[in-house]
């Protein structure tokens, strides 16, 4: 960020304690989203599925290098884990 853009508000309304208590970290909704889509393949699969529905094998063939297990277990794919 350049020195001329000083009116950008802070992301945090207050300073986080250091270290961040585990309870506060666990309660953060952003952490849940990142756990669901933060793996190697999820965002790519979300983008592909956002365009149109795909059958499993079609989706697997569309992503070079993804294993069957990774495609199956990625939360973005139908039938993938959600927790």
Protein backbone atom coordinates (compact mmCIF):
# COMPACT_ATOMS: atom_id res chain seq x y z
CA UNK A 1 0.00 0.00 0.00
CA UNK A 2 1.37 3.41 -0.88
CA UNK A 3 1.82 6.21 1.60
CA UNK A 4 -0.89 8.27 -0.15
CA UNK A 5 -3.71 5.88 0.78
CA UNK A 6 -3.81 6.52 4.50
CA UNK A 7 -7.60 6.65 4.84
CA UNK A 8 -7.99 2.87 4.48
CA UNK A 9 -9.69 1.57 7.64
CA UNK A 10 -8.03 -1.05 9.75
CA UNK A 11 -9.29 -4.60 9.32
CA UNK A 12 -9.35 -5.09 13.07
CA UNK A 13 -11.39 -2.90 15.37
CA UNK A 14 -9.04 -3.85 18.21
CA UNK A 15 -5.70 -5.52 18.67
CA UNK A 16 -5.75 -9.28 19.08
CA UNK A 17 -4.11 -10.64 22.20
CA UNK A 18 -0.83 -12.47 21.63
CA UNK A 19 -1.00 -15.37 21.52
CA UNK A 20 -4.58 -15.56 20.23
CA UNK A 21 -6.59 -17.75 22.61
CA UNK A 22 -7.57 -21.10 21.08
CA UNK A 23 -11.25 -20.45 21.82
CA UNK A 24 -11.24 -17.22 19.84
CA UNK A 25 -9.41 -18.84 16.95
CA UNK A 26 -11.88 -21.75 16.90
CA UNK A 27 -14.88 -19.38 16.97
CA UNK A 28 -13.69 -17.35 13.97
CA UNK A 29 -16.00 -18.01 10.97
CA UNK A 30 -13.23 -17.16 8.52
CA UNK A 31 -11.20 -20.08 9.84
CA UNK A 32 -14.03 -22.46 9.01
CA UNK A 33 -14.20 -21.17 5.44
CA UNK A 34 -10.43 -21.46 5.01
CA UNK A 35 -10.44 -25.02 6.34
CA UNK A 36 -13.09 -25.95 3.79
CA UNK A 37 -11.56 -24.33 0.70
CA UNK A 38 -7.94 -23.83 1.67
CA UNK A 39 -6.51 -27.11 0.45
CA UNK A 40 -4.61 -27.58 -2.77
CA UNK A 41 -7.58 -28.40 -5.02
CA UNK A 42 -10.76 -26.92 -3.53
CA UNK A 43 -10.71 -23.45 -5.07
CA UNK A 44 -9.96 -24.83 -8.53
CA UNK A 45 -12.85 -27.29 -8.19
CA UNK A 46 -15.17 -24.54 -6.90
CA UNK A 47 -14.33 -22.43 -9.95
CA UNK A 48 -14.99 -25.34 -12.31
CA UNK A 49 -18.25 -26.26 -10.58
CA UNK A 50 -19.33 -22.61 -10.57
CA UNK A 51 -19.47 -22.64 -14.36
CA UNK A 52 -21.75 -25.65 -14.65
CA UNK A 53 -22.38 -29.07 -13.12
CA UNK A 54 -19.74 -31.72 -13.82
CA UNK A 55 -19.86 -35.47 -13.50
CA UNK A 56 -17.16 -36.84 -11.20
CA UNK A 57 -14.96 -38.35 -13.94
CA UNK A 58 -15.32 -35.24 -16.09
CA UNK A 59 -14.19 -33.12 -13.17
CA UNK A 60 -11.30 -35.48 -12.45
CA UNK A 61 -10.13 -35.30 -16.08
CA UNK A 62 -10.42 -31.49 -16.08
CA UNK A 63 -7.79 -31.07 -13.33
CA UNK A 64 -4.37 -32.31 -14.35
CA UNK A 65 -2.53 -34.00 -11.52
CA UNK A 66 -5.41 -34.46 -9.07
CA UNK A 67 -5.73 -37.96 -7.67
CA UNK A 68 -9.05 -39.80 -7.45
CA UNK A 69 -8.85 -39.62 -3.65
CA UNK A 70 -8.21 -35.86 -3.65
CA UNK A 71 -11.09 -35.21 -6.06
CA UNK A 72 -13.38 -37.43 -4.00
CA UNK A 73 -12.42 -35.98 -0.61
CA UNK A 74 -12.37 -32.29 -1.56
CA UNK A 75 -15.28 -30.41 0.07
CA UNK A 76 -16.04 -28.62 -3.21
CA UNK A 77 -17.05 -31.84 -4.96
CA UNK A 78 -20.46 -33.40 -4.52
CA UNK A 79 -20.14 -36.10 -1.90
CA UNK A 80 -16.92 -34.60 -0.53
CA UNK A 81 -16.43 -34.09 3.17
CA UNK A 82 -18.01 -31.02 4.70
CA UNK A 83 -16.32 -30.93 8.07
